[in-house]
PDB file of all heavy atoms in Angstrom:
ATOM      1  N   LYS A   1      -5.263 -10.375   7.251  1.00  0.00           N
ATOM      2  CA  LYS A   1      -5.159  -9.178   8.073  1.00  0.00           C
ATOM      3  C   LYS A   1      -3.783  -9.066   8.722  1.00  0.00           C
ATOM      4  O   LYS A   1      -3.223  -7.981   8.826  1.00  0.00           O
ATOM      5  CB  LYS A   1      -6.252  -9.185   9.146  1.00  0.00           C
ATOM      6  CG  LYS A   1      -7.644  -8.934   8.605  1.00  0.00           C
ATOM      7  CD  LYS A   1      -8.690  -9.145   9.672  1.00  0.00           C
ATOM      8  CE  LYS A   1      -8.539  -8.151  10.794  1.00  0.00           C
ATOM      9  NZ  LYS A   1      -9.596  -8.296  11.822  1.00  0.00           N
ATOM     10  N   PHE A   2      -3.222 -10.192   9.165  1.00  0.00           N
ATOM     11  CA  PHE A   2      -1.942 -10.157   9.843  1.00  0.00           C
ATOM     12  C   PHE A   2      -0.756 -10.235   8.880  1.00  0.00           C
ATOM     13  O   PHE A   2       0.320  -9.754   9.187  1.00  0.00           O
ATOM     14  CB  PHE A   2      -1.848 -11.305  10.855  1.00  0.00           C
ATOM     15  CG  PHE A   2      -2.766 -11.130  12.028  1.00  0.00           C
ATOM     16  CD1 PHE A   2      -3.922 -11.866  12.134  1.00  0.00           C
ATOM     17  CD2 PHE A   2      -2.469 -10.201  13.012  1.00  0.00           C
ATOM     18  CE1 PHE A   2      -4.767 -11.698  13.219  1.00  0.00           C
ATOM     19  CE2 PHE A   2      -3.309 -10.024  14.099  1.00  0.00           C
ATOM     20  CZ  PHE A   2      -4.460 -10.776  14.200  1.00  0.00           C
ATOM     21  N   ARG A   3      -0.970 -10.866   7.723  1.00  0.00           N
ATOM     22  CA  ARG A   3       0.123 -11.011   6.766  1.00  0.00           C
ATOM     23  C   ARG A   3      -0.392 -10.610   5.386  1.00  0.00           C
ATOM     24  O   ARG A   3      -0.879 -11.432   4.623  1.00  0.00           O
ATOM     25  CB  ARG A   3       0.620 -12.467   6.775  1.00  0.00           C
ATOM     26  CG  ARG A   3       2.049 -12.646   6.224  1.00  0.00           C
ATOM     27  CD  ARG A   3       2.040 -12.662   4.733  1.00  0.00           C
ATOM     28  NE  ARG A   3       3.337 -12.901   4.146  1.00  0.00           N
ATOM     29  CZ  ARG A   3       3.601 -12.717   2.856  1.00  0.00           C
ATOM     30  NH1 ARG A   3       2.649 -12.283   2.039  1.00  0.00           N
ATOM     31  NH2 ARG A   3       4.797 -12.965   2.378  1.00  0.00           N
ATOM     32  N   LYS A   4      -0.330  -9.321   5.072  1.00  0.00           N
ATOM     33  CA  LYS A   4      -0.857  -8.815   3.819  1.00  0.00           C
ATOM     34  C   LYS A   4       0.075  -9.172   2.669  1.00  0.00           C
ATOM     35  O   LYS A   4       1.295  -9.232   2.821  1.00  0.00           O
ATOM     36  CB  LYS A   4      -1.042  -7.299   3.901  1.00  0.00           C
ATOM     37  CG  LYS A   4      -2.070  -6.876   4.931  1.00  0.00           C
ATOM     38  CD  LYS A   4      -2.242  -5.370   4.931  1.00  0.00           C
ATOM     39  CE  LYS A   4      -3.277  -4.956   5.950  1.00  0.00           C
ATOM     40  NZ  LYS A   4      -3.462  -3.479   5.987  1.00  0.00           N
ATOM     41  N   LYS A   5      -0.530  -9.410   1.496  1.00  0.00           N
ATOM     42  CA  LYS A   5       0.254  -9.683   0.299  1.00  0.00           C
ATOM     43  C   LYS A   5       1.004  -8.419  -0.132  1.00  0.00           C
ATOM     44  O   LYS A   5       0.513  -7.300   0.011  1.00  0.00           O
ATOM     45  CB  LYS A   5      -0.662 -10.175  -0.823  1.00  0.00           C
ATOM     46  CG  LYS A   5      -1.372 -11.492  -0.535  1.00  0.00           C
ATOM     47  CD  LYS A   5      -0.402 -12.650  -0.546  1.00  0.00           C
ATOM     48  CE  LYS A   5      -1.121 -13.990  -0.500  1.00  0.00           C
ATOM     49  NZ  LYS A   5      -1.923 -14.180   0.714  1.00  0.00           N
ATOM     50  N   LYS A   6       2.187  -8.617  -0.692  1.00  0.00           N
ATOM     51  CA  LYS A   6       2.980  -7.498  -1.179  1.00  0.00           C
ATOM     52  C   LYS A   6       2.500  -7.123  -2.572  1.00  0.00           C
ATOM     53  O   LYS A   6       2.675  -7.879  -3.526  1.00  0.00           O
ATOM     54  CB  LYS A   6       4.461  -7.866  -1.196  1.00  0.00           C
ATOM     55  CG  LYS A   6       5.054  -8.089   0.181  1.00  0.00           C
ATOM     56  CD  LYS A   6       6.527  -8.406   0.101  1.00  0.00           C
ATOM     57  CE  LYS A   6       7.122  -8.635   1.483  1.00  0.00           C
ATOM     58  NZ  LYS A   6       8.572  -8.974   1.410  1.00  0.00           N
ATOM     59  N   LEU A   7       1.870  -5.960  -2.684  1.00  0.00           N
ATOM     60  CA  LEU A   7       1.304  -5.491  -3.946  1.00  0.00           C
ATOM     61  C   LEU A   7       1.755  -4.060  -4.195  1.00  0.00           C
ATOM     62  O   LEU A   7       2.149  -3.346  -3.283  1.00  0.00           O
ATOM     63  CB  LEU A   7      -0.237  -5.554  -3.900  1.00  0.00           C
ATOM     64  CG  LEU A   7      -0.862  -6.896  -3.512  1.00  0.00           C
ATOM     65  CD1 LEU A   7      -2.352  -6.735  -3.265  1.00  0.00           C
ATOM     66  CD2 LEU A   7      -0.627  -7.946  -4.584  1.00  0.00           C
ATOM     67  N   LYS A   8       1.691  -3.640  -5.460  1.00  0.00           N
ATOM     68  CA  LYS A   8       2.016  -2.270  -5.829  1.00  0.00           C
ATOM     69  C   LYS A   8       1.115  -1.840  -6.984  1.00  0.00           C
ATOM     70  O   LYS A   8       0.606  -2.668  -7.742  1.00  0.00           O
ATOM     71  CB  LYS A   8       3.479  -2.148  -6.238  1.00  0.00           C
ATOM     72  CG  LYS A   8       3.828  -2.907  -7.517  1.00  0.00           C
ATOM     73  CD  LYS A   8       5.282  -2.709  -7.917  1.00  0.00           C
ATOM     74  CE  LYS A   8       5.613  -3.501  -9.192  1.00  0.00           C
ATOM     75  NZ  LYS A   8       7.022  -3.311  -9.600  1.00  0.00           N
ATOM     76  N   PHE A   9       0.887  -0.547  -7.081  1.00  0.00           N
ATOM     77  CA  PHE A   9       0.122  -0.037  -8.218  1.00  0.00           C
ATOM     78  C   PHE A   9       1.022   0.836  -9.076  1.00  0.00           C
ATOM     79  O   PHE A   9       1.836   1.609  -8.571  1.00  0.00           O
ATOM     80  CB  PHE A   9      -1.121   0.739  -7.751  1.00  0.00           C
ATOM     81  CG  PHE A   9      -0.828   2.079  -7.144  1.00  0.00           C
ATOM     82  CD1 PHE A   9      -0.895   3.229  -7.921  1.00  0.00           C
ATOM     83  CD2 PHE A   9      -0.500   2.201  -5.802  1.00  0.00           C
ATOM     84  CE1 PHE A   9      -0.628   4.474  -7.365  1.00  0.00           C
ATOM     85  CE2 PHE A   9      -0.239   3.433  -5.241  1.00  0.00           C
ATOM     86  CZ  PHE A   9      -0.300   4.574  -6.026  1.00  0.00           C
ATOM     87  N   CYS A  10       0.900   0.653 -10.380  1.00  0.00           N
ATOM     88  CA  CYS A  10       1.670   1.443 -11.341  1.00  0.00           C
ATOM     89  C   CYS A  10       0.906   1.462 -12.668  1.00  0.00           C
ATOM     90  O   CYS A  10      -0.199   0.915 -12.767  1.00  0.00           O
ATOM     91  CB  CYS A  10       3.088   0.890 -11.503  1.00  0.00           C
ATOM     92  SG  CYS A  10       3.146  -0.856 -11.940  1.00  0.00           S
ATOM     93  N   LYS A  11       1.479   2.081 -13.663  1.00  0.00           N
ATOM     94  CA  LYS A  11       0.805   2.232 -14.950  1.00  0.00           C
ATOM     95  C   LYS A  11       0.535   0.859 -15.578  1.00  0.00           C
ATOM     96  O   LYS A  11       1.386  -0.021 -15.556  1.00  0.00           O
ATOM     97  CB  LYS A  11       1.664   3.072 -15.897  1.00  0.00           C
ATOM     98  CG  LYS A  11       1.616   4.558 -15.592  1.00  0.00           C
ATOM     99  CD  LYS A  11       0.240   5.130 -15.873  1.00  0.00           C
ATOM    100  CE  LYS A  11       0.211   6.637 -15.669  1.00  0.00           C
ATOM    101  NZ  LYS A  11      -1.127   7.202 -15.976  1.00  0.00           N
ATOM    102  N   SER A  12      -0.671   0.732 -16.137  1.00  0.00           N
ATOM    103  CA  SER A  12      -1.090  -0.537 -16.721  1.00  0.00           C
ATOM    104  C   SER A  12      -1.326  -0.373 -18.214  1.00  0.00           C
ATOM    105  O   SER A  12      -1.753   0.697 -18.675  1.00  0.00           O
ATOM    106  CB  SER A  12      -2.373  -1.023 -16.035  1.00  0.00           C
ATOM    107  OG  SER A  12      -2.946  -2.105 -16.740  1.00  0.00           O
ATOM    108  N   HIS A  13      -1.072  -1.458 -18.972  1.00  0.00           N
ATOM    109  CA  HIS A  13      -1.340  -1.425 -20.406  1.00  0.00           C
ATOM    110  C   HIS A  13      -2.831  -1.617 -20.702  1.00  0.00           C
ATOM    111  O   HIS A  13      -3.270  -1.400 -21.829  1.00  0.00           O
ATOM    112  CB  HIS A  13      -0.534  -2.515 -21.122  1.00  0.00           C
ATOM    113  CG  HIS A  13      -0.990  -3.889 -20.795  1.00  0.00           C
ATOM    114  ND1 HIS A  13      -0.604  -4.555 -19.638  1.00  0.00           N
ATOM    115  CD2 HIS A  13      -1.832  -4.737 -21.452  1.00  0.00           C
ATOM    116  CE1 HIS A  13      -1.171  -5.753 -19.613  1.00  0.00           C
ATOM    117  NE2 HIS A  13      -1.912  -5.889 -20.695  1.00  0.00           N
ATOM    118  N   ILE A  14      -3.605  -2.043 -19.678  1.00  0.00           N
ATOM    119  CA  ILE A  14      -5.047  -2.225 -19.875  1.00  0.00           C
ATOM    120  C   ILE A  14      -5.770  -0.888 -19.781  1.00  0.00           C
ATOM    121  O   ILE A  14      -6.464  -0.471 -20.699  1.00  0.00           O
ATOM    122  CB  ILE A  14      -5.618  -3.221 -18.837  1.00  0.00           C
ATOM    123  CG1 ILE A  14      -4.978  -4.595 -19.018  1.00  0.00           C
ATOM    124  CG2 ILE A  14      -7.140  -3.328 -18.975  1.00  0.00           C
ATOM    125  CD1 ILE A  14      -5.430  -5.618 -17.989  1.00  0.00           C
ATOM    126  N   HIS A  15      -5.602  -0.207 -18.626  1.00  0.00           N
ATOM    127  CA  HIS A  15      -6.264   1.088 -18.450  1.00  0.00           C
ATOM    128  C   HIS A  15      -5.618   1.837 -17.295  1.00  0.00           C
ATOM    129  O   HIS A  15      -5.625   1.354 -16.152  1.00  0.00           O
ATOM    130  CB  HIS A  15      -7.765   0.891 -18.168  1.00  0.00           C
ATOM    131  CG  HIS A  15      -8.474   2.163 -17.800  1.00  0.00           C
ATOM    132  ND1 HIS A  15      -8.754   3.150 -18.715  1.00  0.00           N
ATOM    133  CD2 HIS A  15      -8.958   2.600 -16.608  1.00  0.00           C
ATOM    134  CE1 HIS A  15      -9.381   4.148 -18.109  1.00  0.00           C
ATOM    135  NE2 HIS A  15      -9.518   3.838 -16.833  1.00  0.00           N
ATOM    136  N   ASP A  16      -5.057   2.986 -17.580  1.00  0.00           N
ATOM    137  CA  ASP A  16      -4.559   3.911 -16.565  1.00  0.00           C
ATOM    138  C   ASP A  16      -3.672   3.199 -15.536  1.00  0.00           C
ATOM    139  O   ASP A  16      -2.605   2.703 -15.872  1.00  0.00           O
ATOM    140  CB  ASP A  16      -5.742   4.612 -15.892  1.00  0.00           C
ATOM    141  CG  ASP A  16      -5.330   5.957 -15.326  1.00  0.00           C
ATOM    142  OD1 ASP A  16      -4.173   6.351 -15.537  1.00  0.00           O
ATOM    143  OD2 ASP A  16      -6.156   6.611 -14.675  1.00  0.00           O
ATOM    144  N   TRP A  17      -4.142   3.125 -14.274  1.00  0.00           N
ATOM    145  CA  TRP A  17      -3.384   2.468 -13.220  1.00  0.00           C
ATOM    146  C   TRP A  17      -3.842   1.032 -13.033  1.00  0.00           C
ATOM    147  O   TRP A  17      -4.991   0.699 -13.317  1.00  0.00           O
ATOM    148  CB  TRP A  17      -3.531   3.219 -11.892  1.00  0.00           C
ATOM    149  CG  TRP A  17      -2.992   4.608 -11.920  1.00  0.00           C
ATOM    150  CD1 TRP A  17      -3.688   5.753 -12.130  1.00  0.00           C
ATOM    151  CD2 TRP A  17      -1.636   5.000 -11.757  1.00  0.00           C
ATOM    152  NE1 TRP A  17      -2.869   6.845 -12.107  1.00  0.00           N
ATOM    153  CE2 TRP A  17      -1.591   6.407 -11.872  1.00  0.00           C
ATOM    154  CE3 TRP A  17      -0.446   4.311 -11.517  1.00  0.00           C
ATOM    155  CZ2 TRP A  17      -0.413   7.139 -11.757  1.00  0.00           C
ATOM    156  CZ3 TRP A  17       0.723   5.030 -11.389  1.00  0.00           C
ATOM    157  CH2 TRP A  17       0.748   6.432 -11.512  1.00  0.00           C
ATOM    158  N   GLY A  18      -2.925   0.185 -12.538  1.00  0.00           N
ATOM    159  CA  GLY A  18      -3.254  -1.210 -12.270  1.00  0.00           C
ATOM    160  C   GLY A  18      -2.536  -1.701 -11.032  1.00  0.00           C
ATOM    161  O   GLY A  18      -1.613  -1.057 -10.528  1.00  0.00           O
ATOM    162  N   LEU A  19      -2.973  -2.852 -10.528  1.00  0.00           N
ATOM    163  CA  LEU A  19      -2.379  -3.455  -9.335  1.00  0.00           C
ATOM    164  C   LEU A  19      -1.536  -4.654  -9.749  1.00  0.00           C
ATOM    165  O   LEU A  19      -1.992  -5.506 -10.513  1.00  0.00           O
ATOM    166  CB  LEU A  19      -3.477  -3.890  -8.362  1.00  0.00           C
ATOM    167  CG  LEU A  19      -3.019  -4.330  -6.976  1.00  0.00           C
ATOM    168  CD1 LEU A  19      -2.404  -3.156  -6.221  1.00  0.00           C
ATOM    169  CD2 LEU A  19      -4.174  -4.909  -6.181  1.00  0.00           C
ATOM    170  N   PHE A  20      -0.307  -4.718  -9.237  1.00  0.00           N
ATOM    171  CA  PHE A  20       0.636  -5.760  -9.635  1.00  0.00           C
ATOM    172  C   PHE A  20       1.159  -6.492  -8.389  1.00  0.00           C
ATOM    173  O   PHE A  20       1.267  -5.904  -7.301  1.00  0.00           O
ATOM    174  CB  PHE A  20       1.812  -5.158 -10.411  1.00  0.00           C
ATOM    175  CG  PHE A  20       1.425  -4.558 -11.726  1.00  0.00           C
ATOM    176  CD1 PHE A  20       0.894  -3.276 -11.795  1.00  0.00           C
ATOM    177  CD2 PHE A  20       1.580  -5.281 -12.908  1.00  0.00           C
ATOM    178  CE1 PHE A  20       0.532  -2.719 -13.009  1.00  0.00           C
ATOM    179  CE2 PHE A  20       1.227  -4.732 -14.122  1.00  0.00           C
ATOM    180  CZ  PHE A  20       0.690  -3.454 -14.182  1.00  0.00           C
ATOM    181  N   ALA A  21       1.484  -7.766  -8.566  1.00  0.00           N
ATOM    182  CA  ALA A  21       1.994  -8.590  -7.474  1.00  0.00           C
ATOM    183  C   ALA A  21       3.494  -8.384  -7.325  1.00  0.00           C
ATOM    184  O   ALA A  21       4.231  -8.385  -8.307  1.00  0.00           O
ATOM    185  CB  ALA A  21       1.685 -10.060  -7.728  1.00  0.00           C
ATOM    186  N   MET A  22       3.942  -8.227  -6.092  1.00  0.00           N
ATOM    187  CA  MET A  22       5.368  -8.093  -5.804  1.00  0.00           C
ATOM    188  C   MET A  22       5.950  -9.379  -5.221  1.00  0.00           C
ATOM    189  O   MET A  22       7.136  -9.420  -4.868  1.00  0.00           O
ATOM    190  CB  MET A  22       5.595  -6.940  -4.826  1.00  0.00           C
ATOM    191  CG  MET A  22       5.260  -5.581  -5.391  1.00  0.00           C
ATOM    192  SD  MET A  22       5.579  -4.249  -4.201  1.00  0.00           S
ATOM    193  CE  MET A  22       7.363  -4.371  -4.010  1.00  0.00           C
ATOM    194  N   GLU A  23       5.127 -10.421  -5.127  1.00  0.00           N
ATOM    195  CA  GLU A  23       5.557 -11.727  -4.640  1.00  0.00           C
ATOM    196  C   GLU A  23       4.706 -12.788  -5.307  1.00  0.00           C
ATOM    197  O   GLU A  23       3.594 -12.498  -5.755  1.00  0.00           O
ATOM    198  CB  GLU A  23       5.415 -11.822  -3.124  1.00  0.00           C
ATOM    199  CG  GLU A  23       3.978 -11.695  -2.637  1.00  0.00           C
ATOM    200  CD  GLU A  23       3.864 -11.892  -1.136  1.00  0.00           C
ATOM    201  OE1 GLU A  23       4.744 -12.560  -0.571  1.00  0.00           O
ATOM    202  OE2 GLU A  23       2.892 -11.407  -0.549  1.00  0.00           O
ATOM    203  N   PRO A  24       5.184 -14.019  -5.433  1.00  0.00           N
ATOM    204  CA  PRO A  24       4.356 -15.086  -6.020  1.00  0.00           C
ATOM    205  C   PRO A  24       3.141 -15.362  -5.142  1.00  0.00           C
ATOM    206  O   PRO A  24       3.239 -15.433  -3.915  1.00  0.00           O
ATOM    207  CB  PRO A  24       5.316 -16.289  -6.052  1.00  0.00           C
ATOM    208  CG  PRO A  24       6.683 -15.720  -5.914  1.00  0.00           C
ATOM    209  CD  PRO A  24       6.546 -14.482  -5.099  1.00  0.00           C
ATOM    210  N   ILE A  25       1.994 -15.508  -5.774  1.00  0.00           N
ATOM    211  CA  ILE A  25       0.738 -15.788  -5.076  1.00  0.00           C
ATOM    212  C   ILE A  25       0.199 -17.104  -5.596  1.00  0.00           C
ATOM    213  O   ILE A  25       0.013 -17.275  -6.803  1.00  0.00           O
ATOM    214  CB  ILE A  25      -0.282 -14.656  -5.286  1.00  0.00           C
ATOM    215  CG1 ILE A  25       0.281 -13.325  -4.777  1.00  0.00           C
ATOM    216  CG2 ILE A  25      -1.594 -14.974  -4.582  1.00  0.00           C
ATOM    217  CD1 ILE A  25      -0.604 -12.128  -5.048  1.00  0.00           C
ATOM    218  N   ALA A  26      -0.047 -18.046  -4.699  1.00  0.00           N
ATOM    219  CA  ALA A  26      -0.563 -19.352  -5.089  1.00  0.00           C
ATOM    220  C   ALA A  26      -2.035 -19.259  -5.451  1.00  0.00           C
ATOM    221  O   ALA A  26      -2.703 -18.255  -5.178  1.00  0.00           O
ATOM    222  CB  ALA A  26      -0.353 -20.357  -3.952  1.00  0.00           C
ATOM    223  N   ALA A  27      -2.548 -20.302  -6.085  1.00  0.00           N
ATOM    224  CA  ALA A  27      -3.958 -20.338  -6.466  1.00  0.00           C
ATOM    225  C   ALA A  27      -4.840 -20.461  -5.233  1.00  0.00           C
ATOM    226  O   ALA A  27      -4.436 -21.021  -4.210  1.00  0.00           O
ATOM    227  CB  ALA A  27      -4.210 -21.508  -7.417  1.00  0.00           C
ATOM    228  N   ASP A  28      -6.045 -19.908  -5.329  1.00  0.00           N
ATOM    229  CA  ASP A  28      -7.048 -19.964  -4.270  1.00  0.00           C
ATOM    230  C   ASP A  28      -6.546 -19.308  -2.981  1.00  0.00           C
ATOM    231  O   ASP A  28      -6.747 -19.807  -1.889  1.00  0.00           O
ATOM    232  CB  ASP A  28      -7.469 -21.412  -3.992  1.00  0.00           C
ATOM    233  CG  ASP A  28      -8.777 -21.481  -3.211  1.00  0.00           C
ATOM    234  OD1 ASP A  28      -9.583 -20.547  -3.326  1.00  0.00           O
ATOM    235  OD2 ASP A  28      -8.964 -22.470  -2.470  1.00  0.00           O
ATOM    236  N   GLU A  29      -5.883 -18.164  -3.140  1.00  0.00           N
ATOM    237  CA  GLU A  29      -5.420 -17.396  -1.989  1.00  0.00           C
ATOM    238  C   GLU A  29      -6.131 -16.052  -1.963  1.00  0.00           C
ATOM    239  O   GLU A  29      -6.474 -15.495  -3.002  1.00  0.00           O
ATOM    240  CB  GLU A  29      -3.910 -17.171  -2.069  1.00  0.00           C
ATOM    241  CG  GLU A  29      -3.078 -18.383  -1.702  1.00  0.00           C
ATOM    242  CD  GLU A  29      -3.086 -18.661  -0.225  1.00  0.00           C
ATOM    243  OE1 GLU A  29      -3.194 -17.707   0.570  1.00  0.00           O
ATOM    244  OE2 GLU A  29      -3.008 -19.836   0.158  1.00  0.00           O
ATOM    245  N   MET A  30      -6.342 -15.525  -0.747  1.00  0.00           N
ATOM    246  CA  MET A  30      -6.876 -14.184  -0.629  1.00  0.00           C
ATOM    247  C   MET A  30      -5.782 -13.183  -0.982  1.00  0.00           C
ATOM    248  O   MET A  30      -4.695 -13.211  -0.407  1.00  0.00           O
ATOM    249  CB  MET A  30      -7.382 -13.937   0.789  1.00  0.00           C
ATOM    250  CG  MET A  30      -8.728 -14.551   1.077  1.00  0.00           C
ATOM    251  SD  MET A  30      -9.356 -14.019   2.679  1.00  0.00           S
ATOM    252  CE  MET A  30     -10.967 -14.797   2.664  1.00  0.00           C
ATOM    253  N   VAL A  31      -6.083 -12.306  -1.926  1.00  0.00           N
ATOM    254  CA  VAL A  31      -5.088 -11.344  -2.389  1.00  0.00           C
ATOM    255  C   VAL A  31      -5.222 -10.024  -1.644  1.00  0.00           C
ATOM    256  O   VAL A  31      -4.270  -9.507  -1.070  1.00  0.00           O
ATOM    257  CB  VAL A  31      -5.207 -11.132  -3.912  1.00  0.00           C
ATOM    258  CG1 VAL A  31      -4.173 -10.125  -4.394  1.00  0.00           C
ATOM    259  CG2 VAL A  31      -5.053 -12.451  -4.653  1.00  0.00           C
ATOM    260  N   ILE A  32      -6.443  -9.474  -1.621  1.00  0.00           N
ATOM    261  CA  ILE A  32      -6.675  -8.177  -0.982  1.00  0.00           C
ATOM    262  C   ILE A  32      -8.172  -8.003  -0.759  1.00  0.00           C
ATOM    263  O   ILE A  32      -8.992  -8.581  -1.491  1.00  0.00           O
ATOM    264  CB  ILE A  32      -6.107  -7.031  -1.858  1.00  0.00           C
ATOM    265  CG1 ILE A  32      -6.129  -5.706  -1.092  1.00  0.00           C
ATOM    266  CG2 ILE A  32      -6.859  -6.926  -3.172  1.00  0.00           C
ATOM    267  CD1 ILE A  32      -5.410  -4.571  -1.820  1.00  0.00           C
ATOM    268  N   GLU A  33      -8.509  -7.237   0.250  1.00  0.00           N
ATOM    269  CA  GLU A  33      -9.909  -6.907   0.516  1.00  0.00           C
ATOM    270  C   GLU A  33     -10.262  -5.598  -0.178  1.00  0.00           C
ATOM    271  O   GLU A  33      -9.453  -4.655  -0.194  1.00  0.00           O
ATOM    272  CB  GLU A  33     -10.155  -6.775   2.019  1.00  0.00           C
ATOM    273  CG  GLU A  33     -11.589  -6.412   2.364  1.00  0.00           C
ATOM    274  CD  GLU A  33     -11.781  -6.034   3.825  1.00  0.00           C
ATOM    275  OE1 GLU A  33     -10.785  -6.077   4.577  1.00  0.00           O
ATOM    276  OE2 GLU A  33     -12.914  -5.667   4.195  1.00  0.00           O
ATOM    277  N   TYR A  34     -11.466  -5.550  -0.750  1.00  0.00           N
ATOM    278  CA  TYR A  34     -11.939  -4.323  -1.387  1.00  0.00           C
ATOM    279  C   TYR A  34     -12.525  -3.431  -0.289  1.00  0.00           C
ATOM    280  O   TYR A  34     -13.592  -3.698   0.251  1.00  0.00           O
ATOM    281  CB  TYR A  34     -12.985  -4.638  -2.447  1.00  0.00           C
ATOM    282  CG  TYR A  34     -13.236  -3.496  -3.422  1.00  0.00           C
ATOM    283  CD1 TYR A  34     -12.532  -3.425  -4.613  1.00  0.00           C
ATOM    284  CD2 TYR A  34     -14.163  -2.508  -3.143  1.00  0.00           C
ATOM    285  CE1 TYR A  34     -12.749  -2.384  -5.507  1.00  0.00           C
ATOM    286  CE2 TYR A  34     -14.389  -1.466  -4.015  1.00  0.00           C
ATOM    287  CZ  TYR A  34     -13.680  -1.405  -5.205  1.00  0.00           C
ATOM    288  OH  TYR A  34     -13.887  -0.366  -6.077  1.00  0.00           O
ATOM    289  N   VAL A  35     -11.795  -2.367   0.044  1.00  0.00           N
ATOM    290  CA  VAL A  35     -12.155  -1.515   1.174  1.00  0.00           C
ATOM    291  C   VAL A  35     -12.764  -0.217   0.664  1.00  0.00           C
ATOM    292  O   VAL A  35     -12.325   0.341  -0.337  1.00  0.00           O
ATOM    293  CB  VAL A  35     -10.915  -1.219   2.040  1.00  0.00           C
ATOM    294  CG1 VAL A  35     -11.260  -0.283   3.189  1.00  0.00           C
ATOM    295  CG2 VAL A  35     -10.348  -2.520   2.592  1.00  0.00           C
ATOM    296  N   GLY A  36     -13.781   0.263   1.369  1.00  0.00           N
ATOM    297  CA  GLY A  36     -14.421   1.523   1.034  1.00  0.00           C
ATOM    298  C   GLY A  36     -15.546   1.821   2.004  1.00  0.00           C
ATOM    299  O   GLY A  36     -15.660   1.205   3.067  1.00  0.00           O
ATOM    300  N   GLN A  37     -16.389   2.777   1.639  1.00  0.00           N
ATOM    301  CA  GLN A  37     -17.541   3.146   2.455  1.00  0.00           C
ATOM    302  C   GLN A  37     -18.749   2.306   2.063  1.00  0.00           C
ATOM    303  O   GLN A  37     -19.060   2.178   0.880  1.00  0.00           O
ATOM    304  CB  GLN A  37     -17.880   4.627   2.277  1.00  0.00           C
ATOM    305  CG  GLN A  37     -16.921   5.579   2.968  1.00  0.00           C
ATOM    306  CD  GLN A  37     -17.355   7.019   2.815  1.00  0.00           C
ATOM    307  OE1 GLN A  37     -17.759   7.441   1.732  1.00  0.00           O
ATOM    308  NE2 GLN A  37     -17.267   7.795   3.881  1.00  0.00           N
ATOM    309  N   ASN A  38     -19.448   1.758   3.056  1.00  0.00           N
ATOM    310  CA  ASN A  38     -20.687   1.028   2.809  1.00  0.00           C
ATOM    311  C   ASN A  38     -21.836   2.022   2.705  1.00  0.00           C
ATOM    312  O   ASN A  38     -22.154   2.717   3.679  1.00  0.00           O
ATOM    313  CB  ASN A  38     -20.955   0.026   3.943  1.00  0.00           C
ATOM    314  CG  ASN A  38     -20.016  -1.156   3.915  1.00  0.00           C
ATOM    315  OD1 ASN A  38     -19.187  -1.263   3.018  1.00  0.00           O
ATOM    316  ND2 ASN A  38     -20.124  -2.032   4.880  1.00  0.00           N
ATOM    317  N   ILE A  39     -22.443   2.086   1.533  1.00  0.00           N
ATOM    318  CA  ILE A  39     -23.543   3.036   1.304  1.00  0.00           C
ATOM    319  C   ILE A  39     -24.731   2.308   0.702  1.00  0.00           C
ATOM    320  O   ILE A  39     -24.606   1.187   0.201  1.00  0.00           O
ATOM    321  CB  ILE A  39     -23.097   4.184   0.369  1.00  0.00           C
ATOM    322  CG1 ILE A  39     -22.629   3.627  -0.977  1.00  0.00           C
ATOM    323  CG2 ILE A  39     -21.989   5.008   1.024  1.00  0.00           C
ATOM    324  CD1 ILE A  39     -22.269   4.702  -1.978  1.00  0.00           C
ATOM    325  N   ARG A  40     -25.897   2.956   0.753  1.00  0.00           N
ATOM    326  CA  ARG A  40     -27.115   2.396   0.170  1.00  0.00           C
ATOM    327  C   ARG A  40     -27.221   2.774  -1.310  1.00  0.00           C
ATOM    328  O   ARG A  40     -26.511   3.640  -1.799  1.00  0.00           O
ATOM    329  CB  ARG A  40     -28.340   2.894   0.936  1.00  0.00           C
ATOM    330  CG  ARG A  40     -28.396   2.381   2.369  1.00  0.00           C
ATOM    331  CD  ARG A  40     -29.590   2.921   3.129  1.00  0.00           C
ATOM    332  NE  ARG A  40     -29.437   4.350   3.406  1.00  0.00           N
ATOM    333  CZ  ARG A  40     -30.215   5.293   2.896  1.00  0.00           C
ATOM    334  NH1 ARG A  40     -31.180   4.975   2.037  1.00  0.00           N
ATOM    335  NH2 ARG A  40     -30.023   6.554   3.204  1.00  0.00           N
ATOM    336  N   GLN A  41     -28.159   2.140  -1.994  1.00  0.00           N
ATOM    337  CA  GLN A  41     -28.323   2.360  -3.426  1.00  0.00           C
ATOM    338  C   GLN A  41     -28.671   3.815  -3.727  1.00  0.00           C
ATOM    339  O   GLN A  41     -28.194   4.400  -4.705  1.00  0.00           O
ATOM    340  CB  GLN A  41     -29.409   1.428  -3.972  1.00  0.00           C
ATOM    341  CG  GLN A  41     -29.643   1.546  -5.471  1.00  0.00           C
ATOM    342  CD  GLN A  41     -28.442   1.111  -6.291  1.00  0.00           C
ATOM    343  OE1 GLN A  41     -27.943   0.007  -6.110  1.00  0.00           O
ATOM    344  NE2 GLN A  41     -27.976   1.973  -7.177  1.00  0.00           N
ATOM    345  N   VAL A  42     -29.511   4.409  -2.876  1.00  0.00           N
ATOM    346  CA  VAL A  42     -29.918   5.810  -3.104  1.00  0.00           C
ATOM    347  C   VAL A  42     -28.708   6.728  -3.030  1.00  0.00           C
ATOM    348  O   VAL A  42     -28.529   7.627  -3.873  1.00  0.00           O
ATOM    349  CB  VAL A  42     -30.988   6.219  -2.062  1.00  0.00           C
ATOM    350  CG1 VAL A  42     -31.393   7.670  -2.283  1.00  0.00           C
ATOM    351  CG2 VAL A  42     -32.191   5.303  -2.146  1.00  0.00           C
TER     352      VAL A  42
END
């Protein structure tokens, strides 16, 4: 939360847009939180 990883999104060869690292990230590190609206199944 206090020190977010440097990331960017641009065109990907896998599908449409993708997320890319702008700095080296070590193993077993938190990269980013998946943020959105919490909703029910219905």
